[in-house]
Amino acid sequence: MKELEDRIRSEGKVFPGNILKVDSFLNHQVDIKLLDDIGSEFYQLYKFDGVTKILTIEASGIAIASLTAYHFQVPFVFAKKAHSANLGSEVYTSKVHSYTYNKDYPIMLSKNYLTSEDKVLIVDDFLASGKATEGLLDICKQAGAAVAGIGICVEKGFQRGGKILRDQGYRVTSLAIIDSMSDHDLVFRSHEEDESIAQ
């Protein structure tokens, strides 16, 4: 998605440890017009797949999921990272390893909001090692929900998460795939190199 790639090039900042900050427009301060375009792109890619629910993980995925759900006209639901009193005891739980923070944490989702009748599109801002996505897939498996696909804004193609998920048979659609990055350069994979990128 050229619009997203252009914003990453102009506003993204690379930090040591292969950390890419896009918090000026995607996951801290949010450009609603860009997210609306992202939601529309995911809709165009999955509109014939019978999606009944959009699923993400707090917190960075919530804005993306909300605009995507708007285009599908279906609810979105997010896995929480902390148990609150109003969540109740009937929850699906899984464990996720955070690449950014280098720690494990539990995620949970009320059983009221995901069932075997659902067909899910998982969305998130980043895909690197794939651990967050694997946690969401585990929750879908517990619920008996079908997975239509995985929609990612930015995939770090030099890490193994995307390959692992695709090798498992999941349809992974990344709007921008970065093959390498350094302080002064970001190299994006072209559409011809990987058909999973939406142009």
N, C-alpha and C. Protein backbone atom coordinates (compact mmCIF):
# COMPACT_ATOMS: atom_id res chain seq x y z
N MET A 1 0.87 -1.18 0.00
CA MET A 1 0.00 0.00 0.00
C MET A 1 0.90 1.23 0.00
N LYS A 2 0.94 1.90 -1.12
CA LYS A 2 1.90 2.98 -1.30
C LYS A 2 1.73 4.10 -0.28
N GLU A 3 0.49 4.43 0.05
CA GLU A 3 0.24 5.49 1.01
C GLU A 3 0.90 5.20 2.36
N LEU A 4 0.79 3.96 2.80
CA LEU A 4 1.39 3.58 4.07
C LEU A 4 2.91 3.57 3.97
N GLU A 5 3.45 3.02 2.90
CA GLU A 5 4.90 3.01 2.72
C GLU A 5 5.46 4.42 2.72
N ASP A 6 4.78 5.35 2.04
CA ASP A 6 5.25 6.73 1.99
C ASP A 6 5.29 7.36 3.37
N ARG A 7 4.29 7.08 4.19
CA ARG A 7 4.27 7.64 5.55
C ARG A 7 5.39 7.05 6.40
N ILE A 8 5.65 5.75 6.22
CA ILE A 8 6.74 5.12 6.96
C ILE A 8 8.07 5.75 6.56
N ARG A 9 8.26 5.96 5.26
CA ARG A 9 9.51 6.57 4.79
C ARG A 9 9.68 7.98 5.33
N SER A 10 8.61 8.75 5.35
CA SER A 10 8.73 10.16 5.73
C SER A 10 8.72 10.39 7.23
N GLU A 11 8.01 9.53 8.00
CA GLU A 11 7.85 9.79 9.43
C GLU A 11 8.37 8.68 10.34
N GLY A 12 8.65 7.51 9.79
CA GLY A 12 9.13 6.40 10.61
C GLY A 12 10.54 6.66 11.12
N LYS A 13 10.83 6.15 12.30
CA LYS A 13 12.15 6.31 12.91
C LYS A 13 12.66 4.95 13.36
N VAL A 14 13.89 4.62 12.96
CA VAL A 14 14.50 3.35 13.30
C VAL A 14 15.38 3.51 14.53
N PHE A 15 15.19 2.60 15.49
CA PHE A 15 15.98 2.61 16.72
C PHE A 15 16.74 1.30 16.84
N PRO A 16 17.79 1.27 17.66
CA PRO A 16 18.56 0.03 17.83
C PRO A 16 17.67 -1.15 18.21
N GLY A 17 18.07 -2.33 17.73
CA GLY A 17 17.28 -3.52 18.00
C GLY A 17 16.18 -3.74 16.98
N ASN A 18 16.30 -3.13 15.80
CA ASN A 18 15.31 -3.26 14.74
C ASN A 18 13.92 -2.78 15.18
N ILE A 19 13.90 -1.72 15.96
CA ILE A 19 12.65 -1.10 16.39
C ILE A 19 12.29 0.00 15.40
N LEU A 20 11.10 -0.09 14.83
CA LEU A 20 10.60 0.94 13.93
C LEU A 20 9.46 1.67 14.61
N LYS A 21 9.64 2.97 14.83
CA LYS A 21 8.60 3.76 15.47
C LYS A 21 7.77 4.46 14.40
N VAL A 22 6.47 4.21 14.45
CA VAL A 22 5.52 4.87 13.55
C VAL A 22 4.41 5.50 14.40
N ASP A 23 4.82 5.96 15.57
CA ASP A 23 3.83 6.41 16.55
C ASP A 23 3.28 7.81 16.27
N SER A 24 3.80 8.47 15.26
CA SER A 24 3.24 9.79 14.92
C SER A 24 1.99 9.69 14.07
N PHE A 25 1.69 8.47 13.54
CA PHE A 25 0.52 8.36 12.66
C PHE A 25 -0.23 7.04 12.78
N LEU A 26 0.36 6.00 13.43
CA LEU A 26 -0.28 4.68 13.39
C LEU A 26 -0.66 4.12 14.74
N ASN A 27 0.21 4.23 15.74
CA ASN A 27 -0.08 3.50 16.97
C ASN A 27 0.17 4.27 18.28
N HIS A 28 0.20 5.58 18.19
CA HIS A 28 0.17 6.42 19.41
C HIS A 28 -0.69 7.63 19.09
N GLN A 29 -0.15 8.55 18.29
CA GLN A 29 -1.01 9.51 17.60
C GLN A 29 -1.50 8.82 16.33
N VAL A 30 -2.79 8.95 16.05
CA VAL A 30 -3.39 8.16 14.98
C VAL A 30 -3.96 9.07 13.90
N ASP A 31 -3.55 8.83 12.66
CA ASP A 31 -4.10 9.53 11.50
C ASP A 31 -5.34 8.76 11.04
N ILE A 32 -6.50 9.30 11.36
CA ILE A 32 -7.76 8.59 11.09
C ILE A 32 -7.99 8.37 9.60
N LYS A 33 -7.61 9.33 8.78
CA LYS A 33 -7.78 9.17 7.32
C LYS A 33 -6.95 7.99 6.82
N LEU A 34 -5.72 7.89 7.29
CA LEU A 34 -4.87 6.76 6.90
C LEU A 34 -5.48 5.46 7.38
N LEU A 35 -5.93 5.42 8.62
CA LEU A 35 -6.52 4.18 9.14
C LEU A 35 -7.81 3.82 8.43
N ASP A 36 -8.56 4.82 8.01
CA ASP A 36 -9.76 4.55 7.22
C ASP A 36 -9.38 3.90 5.89
N ASP A 37 -8.32 4.39 5.28
CA ASP A 37 -7.84 3.80 4.03
C ASP A 37 -7.33 2.37 4.26
N ILE A 38 -6.66 2.14 5.39
CA ILE A 38 -6.19 0.80 5.72
C ILE A 38 -7.39 -0.14 5.92
N GLY A 39 -8.40 0.33 6.66
CA GLY A 39 -9.60 -0.48 6.87
C GLY A 39 -10.28 -0.81 5.55
N SER A 40 -10.34 0.17 4.66
CA SER A 40 -10.94 -0.05 3.34
C SER A 40 -10.15 -1.07 2.54
N GLU A 41 -8.81 -1.00 2.64
CA GLU A 41 -7.96 -1.96 1.93
C GLU A 41 -8.20 -3.38 2.42
N PHE A 42 -8.26 -3.55 3.73
CA PHE A 42 -8.54 -4.89 4.26
C PHE A 42 -9.92 -5.38 3.83
N TYR A 43 -10.88 -4.46 3.79
CA TYR A 43 -12.22 -4.84 3.35
C TYR A 43 -12.20 -5.33 1.90
N GLN A 44 -11.53 -4.59 1.04
CA GLN A 44 -11.46 -5.00 -0.37
C GLN A 44 -10.82 -6.37 -0.52
N LEU A 45 -9.86 -6.68 0.33
CA LEU A 45 -9.14 -7.95 0.23
C LEU A 45 -9.93 -9.13 0.78
N TYR A 46 -10.82 -8.87 1.76
CA TYR A 46 -11.50 -9.97 2.45
C TYR A 46 -13.03 -9.86 2.41
N LYS A 47 -13.57 -9.01 1.56
CA LYS A 47 -15.01 -8.77 1.59
C LYS A 47 -15.85 -9.97 1.17
N PHE A 48 -15.28 -10.92 0.46
CA PHE A 48 -16.03 -12.09 0.03
C PHE A 48 -15.74 -13.32 0.90
N ASP A 49 -15.12 -13.13 2.06
CA ASP A 49 -14.68 -14.26 2.88
C ASP A 49 -15.58 -14.54 4.07
N GLY A 50 -16.71 -13.87 4.15
CA GLY A 50 -17.68 -14.17 5.20
C GLY A 50 -17.25 -13.76 6.59
N VAL A 51 -16.46 -12.70 6.70
CA VAL A 51 -15.96 -12.24 7.99
C VAL A 51 -17.13 -11.75 8.86
N THR A 52 -17.19 -12.26 10.09
CA THR A 52 -18.23 -11.84 11.03
C THR A 52 -17.67 -11.04 12.20
N LYS A 53 -16.35 -11.08 12.37
CA LYS A 53 -15.75 -10.37 13.50
C LYS A 53 -14.30 -10.03 13.20
N ILE A 54 -13.88 -8.83 13.65
CA ILE A 54 -12.49 -8.42 13.57
C ILE A 54 -11.88 -8.62 14.94
N LEU A 55 -10.69 -9.23 14.99
CA LEU A 55 -10.03 -9.53 16.26
C LEU A 55 -8.64 -8.91 16.29
N THR A 56 -8.30 -8.29 17.43
CA THR A 56 -6.96 -7.74 17.60
C THR A 56 -6.57 -7.87 19.06
N ILE A 57 -5.44 -7.26 19.40
CA ILE A 57 -4.92 -7.29 20.75
C ILE A 57 -4.68 -5.86 21.21
N GLU A 58 -4.94 -5.58 22.49
CA GLU A 58 -4.68 -4.22 22.94
C GLU A 58 -3.16 -3.99 23.03
N ALA A 59 -2.71 -2.75 22.86
CA ALA A 59 -3.55 -1.59 22.64
C ALA A 59 -3.44 -1.09 21.20
N SER A 60 -2.28 -1.34 20.57
CA SER A 60 -2.02 -0.70 19.28
C SER A 60 -2.95 -1.16 18.17
N GLY A 61 -3.51 -2.35 18.29
CA GLY A 61 -4.38 -2.85 17.23
C GLY A 61 -5.79 -2.30 17.27
N ILE A 62 -6.17 -1.65 18.37
CA ILE A 62 -7.58 -1.27 18.55
C ILE A 62 -8.05 -0.26 17.51
N ALA A 63 -7.26 0.77 17.26
CA ALA A 63 -7.69 1.78 16.28
C ALA A 63 -7.81 1.18 14.89
N ILE A 64 -6.86 0.33 14.53
CA ILE A 64 -6.89 -0.32 13.21
C ILE A 64 -8.11 -1.22 13.09
N ALA A 65 -8.38 -1.99 14.15
CA ALA A 65 -9.52 -2.90 14.12
C ALA A 65 -10.84 -2.14 14.03
N SER A 66 -10.93 -1.00 14.70
CA SER A 66 -12.20 -0.27 14.69
C SER A 66 -12.54 0.25 13.30
N LEU A 67 -11.55 0.79 12.60
CA LEU A 67 -11.82 1.30 11.24
C LEU A 67 -12.05 0.15 10.27
N THR A 68 -11.36 -0.96 10.47
CA THR A 68 -11.58 -2.13 9.61
C THR A 68 -12.99 -2.68 9.83
N ALA A 69 -13.40 -2.78 11.08
CA ALA A 69 -14.74 -3.28 11.40
C ALA A 69 -15.82 -2.38 10.82
N TYR A 70 -15.56 -1.08 10.80
CA TYR A 70 -16.52 -0.13 10.23
C TYR A 70 -16.79 -0.47 8.76
N HIS A 71 -15.74 -0.78 8.02
CA HIS A 71 -15.91 -1.09 6.60
C HIS A 71 -16.63 -2.43 6.40
N PHE A 72 -16.38 -3.38 7.27
CA PHE A 72 -17.07 -4.67 7.18
C PHE A 72 -18.47 -4.61 7.76
N GLN A 73 -18.73 -3.59 8.58
CA GLN A 73 -20.00 -3.47 9.31
C GLN A 73 -20.24 -4.70 10.19
N VAL A 74 -19.17 -5.07 10.90
CA VAL A 74 -19.23 -6.16 11.88
C VAL A 74 -18.56 -5.66 13.16
N PRO A 75 -18.79 -6.33 14.30
CA PRO A 75 -18.11 -5.91 15.53
C PRO A 75 -16.62 -6.22 15.48
N PHE A 76 -15.86 -5.49 16.29
CA PHE A 76 -14.49 -5.92 16.55
C PHE A 76 -14.36 -6.18 18.04
N VAL A 77 -13.42 -7.06 18.37
CA VAL A 77 -13.18 -7.41 19.76
C VAL A 77 -11.67 -7.48 19.95
N PHE A 78 -11.21 -7.13 21.15
CA PHE A 78 -9.78 -7.18 21.38
C PHE A 78 -9.45 -7.99 22.62
N ALA A 79 -8.35 -8.73 22.52
CA ALA A 79 -7.84 -9.48 23.67
C ALA A 79 -7.18 -8.50 24.63
N LYS A 80 -7.48 -8.67 25.91
CA LYS A 80 -6.92 -7.79 26.93
C LYS A 80 -5.66 -8.40 27.52
N LYS A 81 -4.78 -7.52 27.99
CA LYS A 81 -3.52 -7.96 28.59
C LYS A 81 -3.59 -7.99 30.11
N ALA A 82 -4.66 -7.51 30.67
CA ALA A 82 -4.81 -7.52 32.13
C ALA A 82 -6.24 -7.91 32.47
N HIS A 83 -6.40 -8.70 33.52
CA HIS A 83 -7.73 -9.13 33.92
C HIS A 83 -8.39 -8.05 34.75
N SER A 84 -9.59 -7.63 34.36
CA SER A 84 -10.34 -6.64 35.13
C SER A 84 -11.58 -7.31 35.72
N ALA A 85 -12.14 -6.68 36.73
CA ALA A 85 -13.28 -7.26 37.44
C ALA A 85 -14.47 -7.48 36.53
N ASN A 86 -14.64 -6.60 35.55
CA ASN A 86 -15.81 -6.73 34.68
C ASN A 86 -15.61 -7.71 33.53
N LEU A 87 -14.45 -8.32 33.45
CA LEU A 87 -14.21 -9.30 32.38
C LEU A 87 -14.89 -10.63 32.69
N GLY A 88 -15.02 -10.94 33.97
CA GLY A 88 -15.64 -12.19 34.35
C GLY A 88 -14.65 -13.34 34.35
N SER A 89 -15.14 -14.51 34.71
CA SER A 89 -14.26 -15.68 34.81
C SER A 89 -14.29 -16.57 33.58
N GLU A 90 -15.29 -16.39 32.72
CA GLU A 90 -15.41 -17.21 31.51
C GLU A 90 -14.63 -16.56 30.38
N VAL A 91 -13.34 -16.88 30.31
CA VAL A 91 -12.47 -16.25 29.32
C VAL A 91 -11.60 -17.29 28.62
N TYR A 92 -11.24 -16.97 27.37
CA TYR A 92 -10.18 -17.69 26.68
C TYR A 92 -8.87 -17.02 27.08
N THR A 93 -7.84 -17.79 27.31
CA THR A 93 -6.55 -17.21 27.68
C THR A 93 -5.44 -17.83 26.83
N SER A 94 -4.42 -17.03 26.60
CA SER A 94 -3.23 -17.51 25.92
C SER A 94 -2.05 -16.70 26.44
N LYS A 95 -0.86 -17.06 25.99
CA LYS A 95 0.34 -16.35 26.43
C LYS A 95 1.06 -15.81 25.20
N VAL A 96 1.57 -14.59 25.33
CA VAL A 96 2.23 -13.91 24.22
C VAL A 96 3.59 -13.42 24.69
N HIS A 97 4.60 -13.54 23.81
CA HIS A 97 5.91 -12.95 24.10
C HIS A 97 6.03 -11.64 23.33
N SER A 98 6.33 -10.57 24.04
CA SER A 98 6.51 -9.27 23.41
C SER A 98 7.94 -9.10 22.93
N TYR A 99 8.10 -8.89 21.62
CA TYR A 99 9.43 -8.62 21.06
C TYR A 99 9.95 -7.28 21.55
N THR A 100 9.06 -6.28 21.61
CA THR A 100 9.47 -4.93 22.00
C THR A 100 9.94 -4.87 23.45
N TYR A 101 9.17 -5.54 24.33
CA TYR A 101 9.48 -5.46 25.76
C TYR A 101 10.22 -6.69 26.29
N ASN A 102 10.41 -7.71 25.44
CA ASN A 102 11.13 -8.92 25.79
C ASN A 102 10.60 -9.57 27.07
N LYS A 103 9.29 -9.77 27.10
CA LYS A 103 8.69 -10.47 28.24
C LYS A 103 7.41 -11.17 27.80
N ASP A 104 7.01 -12.17 28.57
CA ASP A 104 5.76 -12.88 28.33
C ASP A 104 4.63 -12.23 29.12
N TYR A 105 3.44 -12.25 28.55
CA TYR A 105 2.28 -11.75 29.28
C TYR A 105 1.05 -12.52 28.81
N PRO A 106 0.07 -12.65 29.70
CA PRO A 106 -1.16 -13.34 29.31
C PRO A 106 -2.08 -12.42 28.53
N ILE A 107 -2.88 -13.00 27.64
CA ILE A 107 -3.96 -12.25 27.00
C ILE A 107 -5.25 -13.03 27.24
N MET A 108 -6.35 -12.30 27.28
CA MET A 108 -7.63 -12.96 27.57
C MET A 108 -8.76 -12.27 26.83
N LEU A 109 -9.80 -13.06 26.56
CA LEU A 109 -10.95 -12.59 25.82
C LEU A 109 -12.19 -13.29 26.36
N SER A 110 -13.23 -12.51 26.62
CA SER A 110 -14.47 -13.08 27.15
C SER A 110 -15.06 -14.08 26.16
N LYS A 111 -15.53 -15.19 26.68
CA LYS A 111 -16.15 -16.22 25.84
C LYS A 111 -17.48 -15.75 25.25
N ASN A 112 -18.00 -14.64 25.77
CA ASN A 112 -19.26 -14.10 25.25
C ASN A 112 -19.11 -13.53 23.84
N TYR A 113 -17.87 -13.16 23.45
CA TYR A 113 -17.71 -12.37 22.25
C TYR A 113 -16.97 -13.07 21.12
N LEU A 114 -16.70 -14.36 21.27
CA LEU A 114 -16.12 -15.13 20.18
C LEU A 114 -16.60 -16.57 20.31
N THR A 115 -17.22 -17.08 19.24
CA THR A 115 -17.80 -18.41 19.29
C THR A 115 -17.46 -19.19 18.03
N SER A 116 -17.91 -20.43 18.00
CA SER A 116 -17.67 -21.29 16.83
C SER A 116 -18.47 -20.84 15.62
N GLU A 117 -19.38 -19.89 15.79
CA GLU A 117 -20.15 -19.36 14.66
C GLU A 117 -19.42 -18.23 13.95
N ASP A 118 -18.32 -17.77 14.52
CA ASP A 118 -17.61 -16.62 13.95
C ASP A 118 -16.57 -17.03 12.92
N LYS A 119 -16.38 -16.14 11.95
CA LYS A 119 -15.26 -16.21 11.02
C LYS A 119 -14.48 -14.91 11.18
N VAL A 120 -13.23 -15.03 11.55
CA VAL A 120 -12.46 -13.92 12.09
C VAL A 120 -11.42 -13.42 11.10
N LEU A 121 -11.29 -12.10 11.05
CA LEU A 121 -10.13 -11.47 10.44
C LEU A 121 -9.30 -10.86 11.56
N ILE A 122 -8.10 -11.37 11.74
CA ILE A 122 -7.18 -10.84 12.75
C ILE A 122 -6.44 -9.66 12.13
N VAL A 123 -6.37 -8.54 12.85
CA VAL A 123 -5.61 -7.39 12.36
C VAL A 123 -4.68 -6.89 13.46
N ASP A 124 -3.55 -6.31 13.03
CA ASP A 124 -2.61 -5.72 13.98
C ASP A 124 -1.72 -4.74 13.25
N ASP A 125 -0.99 -3.92 14.04
CA ASP A 125 -0.14 -2.92 13.43
C ASP A 125 1.16 -3.53 12.90
N PHE A 126 1.77 -4.44 13.68
CA PHE A 126 3.06 -5.01 13.29
C PHE A 126 3.02 -6.53 13.31
N LEU A 127 3.83 -7.14 12.45
CA LEU A 127 4.13 -8.56 12.50
C LEU A 127 5.64 -8.71 12.43
N ALA A 128 6.23 -9.27 13.49
CA ALA A 128 7.67 -9.49 13.53
C ALA A 128 7.93 -10.97 13.78
N SER A 129 7.97 -11.36 15.03
CA SER A 129 8.16 -12.78 15.35
C SER A 129 6.86 -13.57 15.22
N GLY A 130 5.74 -12.87 15.25
CA GLY A 130 4.44 -13.53 15.09
C GLY A 130 3.82 -14.02 16.38
N LYS A 131 4.43 -13.73 17.52
CA LYS A 131 3.95 -14.27 18.79
C LYS A 131 2.58 -13.74 19.17
N ALA A 132 2.33 -12.44 18.96
CA ALA A 132 1.01 -11.88 19.28
C ALA A 132 -0.06 -12.53 18.42
N THR A 133 0.24 -12.70 17.14
CA THR A 133 -0.72 -13.33 16.24
C THR A 133 -0.97 -14.78 16.64
N GLU A 134 0.08 -15.48 17.04
CA GLU A 134 -0.09 -16.87 17.47
C GLU A 134 -1.00 -16.96 18.69
N GLY A 135 -0.88 -15.99 19.61
CA GLY A 135 -1.77 -15.95 20.76
C GLY A 135 -3.21 -15.76 20.36
N LEU A 136 -3.46 -14.88 19.39
CA LEU A 136 -4.82 -14.66 18.91
C LEU A 136 -5.36 -15.89 18.17
N LEU A 137 -4.50 -16.55 17.41
CA LEU A 137 -4.90 -17.78 16.73
C LEU A 137 -5.26 -18.87 17.74
N ASP A 138 -4.52 -18.91 18.83
CA ASP A 138 -4.81 -19.88 19.89
C ASP A 138 -6.19 -19.62 20.49
N ILE A 139 -6.51 -18.35 20.69
CA ILE A 139 -7.83 -17.99 21.23
C ILE A 139 -8.93 -18.39 20.23
N CYS A 140 -8.69 -18.16 18.94
CA CYS A 140 -9.67 -18.57 17.93
C CYS A 140 -9.87 -20.09 17.96
N LYS A 141 -8.78 -20.83 18.12
CA LYS A 141 -8.88 -22.29 18.18
C LYS A 141 -9.69 -22.72 19.39
N GLN A 142 -9.45 -22.08 20.54
CA GLN A 142 -10.22 -22.41 21.75
C GLN A 142 -11.71 -22.16 21.54
N ALA A 143 -12.03 -21.07 20.82
CA ALA A 143 -13.42 -20.71 20.59
C ALA A 143 -14.06 -21.54 19.48
N GLY A 144 -13.25 -22.23 18.69
CA GLY A 144 -13.77 -22.96 17.54
C GLY A 144 -14.09 -22.05 16.38
N ALA A 145 -13.55 -20.82 16.41
CA ALA A 145 -13.83 -19.83 15.35
C ALA A 145 -12.92 -20.07 14.15
N ALA A 146 -13.46 -19.89 12.97
CA ALA A 146 -12.66 -19.99 11.74
C ALA A 146 -11.88 -18.70 11.54
N VAL A 147 -10.74 -18.81 10.88
CA VAL A 147 -9.89 -17.64 10.60
C VAL A 147 -9.87 -17.39 9.10
N ALA A 148 -10.42 -16.24 8.69
CA ALA A 148 -10.42 -15.89 7.27
C ALA A 148 -9.04 -15.45 6.82
N GLY A 149 -8.32 -14.76 7.71
CA GLY A 149 -7.00 -14.28 7.36
C GLY A 149 -6.42 -13.40 8.44
N ILE A 150 -5.23 -12.92 8.15
CA ILE A 150 -4.48 -12.07 9.08
C ILE A 150 -4.07 -10.82 8.32
N GLY A 151 -4.58 -9.67 8.73
CA GLY A 151 -4.27 -8.40 8.08
C GLY A 151 -3.28 -7.60 8.91
N ILE A 152 -2.14 -7.30 8.34
CA ILE A 152 -1.05 -6.62 9.06
C ILE A 152 -0.72 -5.31 8.35
N CYS A 153 -0.53 -4.26 9.13
CA CYS A 153 -0.11 -3.00 8.51
C CYS A 153 1.35 -3.07 8.08
N VAL A 154 2.25 -3.40 9.01
CA VAL A 154 3.68 -3.40 8.71
C VAL A 154 4.28 -4.73 9.14
N GLU A 155 4.84 -5.45 8.19
CA GLU A 155 5.52 -6.71 8.49
C GLU A 155 7.03 -6.52 8.36
N LYS A 156 7.75 -7.00 9.36
CA LYS A 156 9.21 -7.04 9.27
C LYS A 156 9.59 -8.35 8.58
N GLY A 157 9.77 -8.24 7.28
CA GLY A 157 10.00 -9.44 6.47
C GLY A 157 11.30 -10.14 6.77
N PHE A 158 12.23 -9.47 7.44
CA PHE A 158 13.51 -10.09 7.78
C PHE A 158 13.41 -10.91 9.06
N GLN A 159 12.24 -10.91 9.71
CA GLN A 159 12.00 -11.81 10.83
C GLN A 159 11.07 -12.92 10.37
N ARG A 160 10.95 -13.97 11.17
CA ARG A 160 10.35 -15.21 10.67
C ARG A 160 8.85 -15.32 10.86
N GLY A 161 8.24 -14.35 11.54
CA GLY A 161 6.82 -14.49 11.87
C GLY A 161 5.92 -14.71 10.68
N GLY A 162 6.08 -13.91 9.64
CA GLY A 162 5.23 -14.03 8.47
C GLY A 162 5.40 -15.36 7.77
N LYS A 163 6.64 -15.80 7.62
CA LYS A 163 6.90 -17.09 6.95
C LYS A 163 6.30 -18.25 7.74
N ILE A 164 6.45 -18.21 9.06
CA ILE A 164 5.91 -19.29 9.90
C ILE A 164 4.39 -19.38 9.73
N LEU A 165 3.72 -18.25 9.78
CA LEU A 165 2.26 -18.25 9.67
C LEU A 165 1.81 -18.70 8.29
N ARG A 166 2.49 -18.24 7.24
CA ARG A 166 2.13 -18.65 5.89
C ARG A 166 2.38 -20.14 5.69
N ASP A 167 3.49 -20.63 6.24
CA ASP A 167 3.80 -22.05 6.13
C ASP A 167 2.76 -22.91 6.84
N GLN A 168 2.10 -22.34 7.84
CA GLN A 168 1.03 -23.05 8.55
C GLN A 168 -0.30 -23.01 7.78
N GLY A 169 -0.30 -22.29 6.66
CA GLY A 169 -1.48 -22.27 5.80
C GLY A 169 -2.38 -21.06 5.97
N TYR A 170 -1.98 -20.11 6.80
CA TYR A 170 -2.80 -18.92 6.99
C TYR A 170 -2.58 -17.92 5.86
N ARG A 171 -3.63 -17.24 5.50
CA ARG A 171 -3.53 -16.16 4.53
C ARG A 171 -3.12 -14.89 5.28
N VAL A 172 -1.89 -14.45 5.05
CA VAL A 172 -1.35 -13.27 5.72
C VAL A 172 -1.24 -12.16 4.69
N THR A 173 -1.93 -11.06 4.93
CA THR A 173 -1.91 -9.93 4.01
C THR A 173 -1.28 -8.73 4.71
N SER A 174 -0.07 -8.38 4.27
CA SER A 174 0.65 -7.26 4.87
C SER A 174 0.67 -6.10 3.89
N LEU A 175 0.26 -4.93 4.37
CA LEU A 175 0.16 -3.77 3.49
C LEU A 175 1.52 -3.16 3.18
N ALA A 176 2.50 -3.40 4.05
CA ALA A 176 3.88 -2.98 3.79
C ALA A 176 4.80 -4.02 4.41
N ILE A 177 5.72 -4.56 3.62
CA ILE A 177 6.70 -5.51 4.14
C ILE A 177 8.08 -4.89 4.01
N ILE A 178 8.77 -4.80 5.13
CA ILE A 178 10.12 -4.24 5.15
C ILE A 178 11.12 -5.39 5.16
N ASP A 179 11.97 -5.45 4.14
CA ASP A 179 12.94 -6.53 4.04
C ASP A 179 14.22 -6.22 4.80
N SER A 180 14.55 -4.93 4.96
CA SER A 180 15.71 -4.55 5.76
C SER A 180 15.55 -3.11 6.18
N MET A 181 16.20 -2.78 7.30
CA MET A 181 16.14 -1.39 7.74
C MET A 181 17.39 -1.05 8.54
N SER A 182 17.76 0.22 8.43
CA SER A 182 18.90 0.74 9.17
C SER A 182 18.58 2.19 9.51
N ASP A 183 19.52 2.85 10.17
CA ASP A 183 19.28 4.24 10.57
C ASP A 183 18.95 5.14 9.39
N HIS A 184 19.47 4.80 8.21
CA HIS A 184 19.33 5.70 7.07
C HIS A 184 18.58 5.09 5.89
N ASP A 185 18.07 3.87 6.05
CA ASP A 185 17.45 3.24 4.88
C ASP A 185 16.40 2.21 5.29
N LEU A 186 15.28 2.21 4.56
CA LEU A 186 14.24 1.19 4.69
C LEU A 186 14.03 0.59 3.31
N VAL A 187 14.10 -0.74 3.22
CA VAL A 187 13.90 -1.42 1.94
C VAL A 187 12.59 -2.19 2.01
N PHE A 188 11.64 -1.80 1.16
CA PHE A 188 10.33 -2.44 1.11
C PHE A 188 10.31 -3.51 0.03
N ARG A 189 9.62 -4.59 0.29
CA ARG A 189 9.44 -5.65 -0.70
C ARG A 189 8.42 -5.18 -1.74
N SER A 190 8.71 -5.44 -3.00
CA SER A 190 7.79 -5.04 -4.06
C SER A 190 6.67 -6.06 -4.21
N HIS A 191 5.60 -5.64 -4.88
CA HIS A 191 4.46 -6.53 -5.12
C HIS A 191 4.88 -7.75 -5.93
N GLU A 192 5.80 -7.54 -6.86
CA GLU A 192 6.23 -8.66 -7.70
C GLU A 192 6.97 -9.71 -6.88
N GLU A 193 7.62 -9.26 -5.81
CA GLU A 193 8.39 -10.20 -4.99
C GLU A 193 7.49 -11.00 -4.06
N ASP A 194 6.36 -10.41 -3.64
CA ASP A 194 5.50 -11.10 -2.68
C ASP A 194 4.06 -10.70 -2.93
N GLU A 195 3.26 -11.64 -3.39
CA GLU A 195 1.88 -11.35 -3.74
C GLU A 195 1.00 -11.10 -2.54
N SER A 196 1.54 -11.30 -1.31
CA SER A 196 0.73 -11.07 -0.12
C SER A 196 0.62 -9.59 0.22
N ILE A 197 1.38 -8.74 -0.46
CA ILE A 197 1.29 -7.31 -0.23
C ILE A 197 0.13 -6.76 -1.02
N ALA A 198 -0.67 -5.91 -0.38
CA ALA A 198 -1.77 -5.23 -1.07
C ALA A 198 -1.25 -3.94 -1.66
N GLN A 199 -1.46 -3.74 -2.94
CA GLN A 199 -1.03 -2.50 -3.58
C GLN A 199 -2.24 -1.62 -3.88
